[in-house]
Amino acid sequence: MKVVLYSKDECCLCANAKVILRELQKEFSFQVEEVDIYKDDALLEKYQIMIPVVEIDGKEVQCGIIQKDVIRKRLIKFSGVE
């Protein structure tokens, strides 16, 4: 399962999202790819006011204030584990 976190430097919401994803890695097997939107003009235009954005297997699942329960439910759905 591939999880991408779109973020930027010095973003408290992004830092919180990273903590949540690290905690969920204790329950689920996945790697997190962190992408700084300021290093790609297309991503900056797309996600500028939405970050952080969590994407699982190519599908955006949550943005802004990331909630652990929402991400957990999506990880369960994408992993096929109940």
C-alpha atoms as a PDB file:
ATOM      1  CA  MET A   1       0.000   0.000   0.000  1.00  0.00           C
ATOM      2  CA  LYS A   2       1.398   3.400  -0.968  1.00  0.00           C
ATOM      3  CA  VAL A   3       0.633   6.437   1.205  1.00  0.00           C
ATOM      4  CA  VAL A   4       1.662   9.898   0.036  1.00  0.00           C
ATOM      5  CA  LEU A   5       1.617  12.956   2.259  1.00  0.00           C
ATOM      6  CA  TYR A   6       1.578  16.245   0.355  1.00  0.00           C
ATOM      7  CA  SER A   7       2.939  18.911   2.654  1.00  0.00           C
ATOM      8  CA  LYS A   8       5.320  21.849   3.049  1.00  0.00           C
ATOM      9  CA  ASP A   9       7.986  22.940   5.519  1.00  0.00           C
ATOM     10  CA  GLU A  10       6.943  24.690   8.739  1.00  0.00           C
ATOM     11  CA  CYS A  11       3.310  23.544   8.610  1.00  0.00           C
ATOM     12  CA  CYS A  12       1.807  22.544  11.965  1.00  0.00           C
ATOM     13  CA  LEU A  13      -1.071  20.636  10.322  1.00  0.00           C
ATOM     14  CA  CYS A  14       1.482  18.718   8.246  1.00  0.00           C
ATOM     15  CA  ALA A  15       3.487  17.882  11.378  1.00  0.00           C
ATOM     16  CA  ASN A  16       0.326  16.556  13.029  1.00  0.00           C
ATOM     17  CA  ALA A  17      -0.451  14.463   9.938  1.00  0.00           C
ATOM     18  CA  LYS A  18       3.054  12.934  10.080  1.00  0.00           C
ATOM     19  CA  VAL A  19       2.508  11.948  13.735  1.00  0.00           C
ATOM     20  CA  ILE A  20      -0.830  10.322  12.884  1.00  0.00           C
ATOM     21  CA  LEU A  21       0.671   8.380   9.973  1.00  0.00           C
ATOM     22  CA  ARG A  22       3.592   7.186  12.141  1.00  0.00           C
ATOM     23  CA  GLU A  23       1.118   5.977  14.778  1.00  0.00           C
ATOM     24  CA  LEU A  24      -0.918   4.141  12.130  1.00  0.00           C
ATOM     25  CA  GLN A  25       2.224   2.431  10.816  1.00  0.00           C
ATOM     26  CA  LYS A  26       2.188   0.466  14.085  1.00  0.00           C
ATOM     27  CA  GLU A  27      -1.175  -1.031  13.011  1.00  0.00           C
ATOM     28  CA  PHE A  28      -0.763  -1.240   9.235  1.00  0.00           C
ATOM     29  CA  SER A  29       2.103  -2.058   6.910  1.00  0.00           C
ATOM     30  CA  PHE A  30       2.779   0.948   4.672  1.00  0.00           C
ATOM     31  CA  GLN A  31       5.510   3.381   3.786  1.00  0.00           C
ATOM     32  CA  VAL A  32       4.914   7.124   3.659  1.00  0.00           C
ATOM     33  CA  GLU A  33       6.272   9.191   0.799  1.00  0.00           C
ATOM     34  CA  GLU A  34       6.350  12.837   1.794  1.00  0.00           C
ATOM     35  CA  VAL A  35       6.106  15.291  -1.102  1.00  0.00           C
ATOM     36  CA  ASP A  36       6.868  18.997  -0.624  1.00  0.00           C
ATOM     37  CA  ILE A  37       4.384  20.822  -2.847  1.00  0.00           C
ATOM     38  CA  TYR A  38       6.764  23.805  -3.111  1.00  0.00           C
ATOM     39  CA  LYS A  39       9.159  21.704  -5.193  1.00  0.00           C
ATOM     40  CA  ASP A  40       6.597  21.158  -7.970  1.00  0.00           C
ATOM     41  CA  ASP A  41       4.624  24.032  -9.530  1.00  0.00           C
ATOM     42  CA  ALA A  42       1.719  21.774 -10.554  1.00  0.00           C
ATOM     43  CA  LEU A  43       1.382  20.369  -7.021  1.00  0.00           C
ATOM     44  CA  LEU A  44       1.664  23.844  -5.523  1.00  0.00           C
ATOM     45  CA  GLU A  45      -1.161  25.069  -7.717  1.00  0.00           C
ATOM     46  CA  LYS A  46      -3.289  21.999  -6.975  1.00  0.00           C
ATOM     47  CA  TYR A  47      -2.777  21.728  -3.197  1.00  0.00           C
ATOM     48  CA  GLN A  48      -1.729  25.221  -2.081  1.00  0.00           C
ATOM     49  CA  ILE A  49      -4.492  25.792   0.481  1.00  0.00           C
ATOM     50  CA  MET A  50      -5.450  22.138   0.996  1.00  0.00           C
ATOM     51  CA  ILE A  51      -2.329  20.753   2.676  1.00  0.00           C
ATOM     52  CA  PRO A  52      -1.707  18.433   4.245  1.00  0.00           C
ATOM     53  CA  VAL A  53      -3.236  15.944   1.839  1.00  0.00           C
ATOM     54  CA  VAL A  54      -3.122  12.191   2.458  1.00  0.00           C
ATOM     55  CA  GLU A  55      -3.332   9.963  -0.601  1.00  0.00           C
ATOM     56  CA  ILE A  56      -3.624   6.174  -0.391  1.00  0.00           C
ATOM     57  CA  ASP A  57      -2.933   4.098  -3.494  1.00  0.00           C
ATOM     58  CA  GLY A  58      -3.447   7.113  -5.747  1.00  0.00           C
ATOM     59  CA  LYS A  59      -6.698   8.283  -4.135  1.00  0.00           C
ATOM     60  CA  GLU A  60      -6.962  11.454  -2.029  1.00  0.00           C
ATOM     61  CA  VAL A  61      -8.570  10.465   1.260  1.00  0.00           C
ATOM     62  CA  GLN A  62      -8.326  13.546   3.452  1.00  0.00           C
ATOM     63  CA  CYS A  63      -6.924  17.070   3.492  1.00  0.00           C
ATOM     64  CA  GLY A  64      -6.533  19.919   5.965  1.00  0.00           C
ATOM     65  CA  ILE A  65      -7.049  18.648   9.488  1.00  0.00           C
ATOM     66  CA  ILE A  66      -6.134  14.971   9.291  1.00  0.00           C
ATOM     67  CA  GLN A  67      -8.144  12.702  11.577  1.00  0.00           C
ATOM     68  CA  LYS A  68      -6.663   9.407  12.691  1.00  0.00           C
ATOM     69  CA  ASP A  69      -9.986   7.526  12.640  1.00  0.00           C
ATOM     70  CA  VAL A  70     -10.738   8.614   9.070  1.00  0.00           C
ATOM     71  CA  ILE A  71      -7.309   7.501   7.832  1.00  0.00           C
ATOM     72  CA  ARG A  72      -7.560   4.233   9.799  1.00  0.00           C
ATOM     73  CA  LYS A  73     -10.900   3.402   8.138  1.00  0.00           C
ATOM     74  CA  ARG A  74      -9.454   4.128   4.706  1.00  0.00           C
ATOM     75  CA  LEU A  75      -6.379   2.002   5.418  1.00  0.00           C
ATOM     76  CA  ILE A  76      -8.648  -0.869   6.419  1.00  0.00           C
ATOM     77  CA  LYS A  77     -10.639  -0.437   3.224  1.00  0.00           C
ATOM     78  CA  PHE A  78      -7.550  -0.280   0.992  1.00  0.00           C
ATOM     79  CA  SER A  79      -5.801  -3.176   2.738  1.00  0.00           C
ATOM     80  CA  GLY A  80      -8.864  -5.427   2.663  1.00  0.00           C
ATOM     81  CA  VAL A  81      -8.386  -6.218   6.368  1.00  0.00           C
ATOM     82  CA  GLU A  82     -11.387  -5.920   8.682  1.00  0.00           C
END
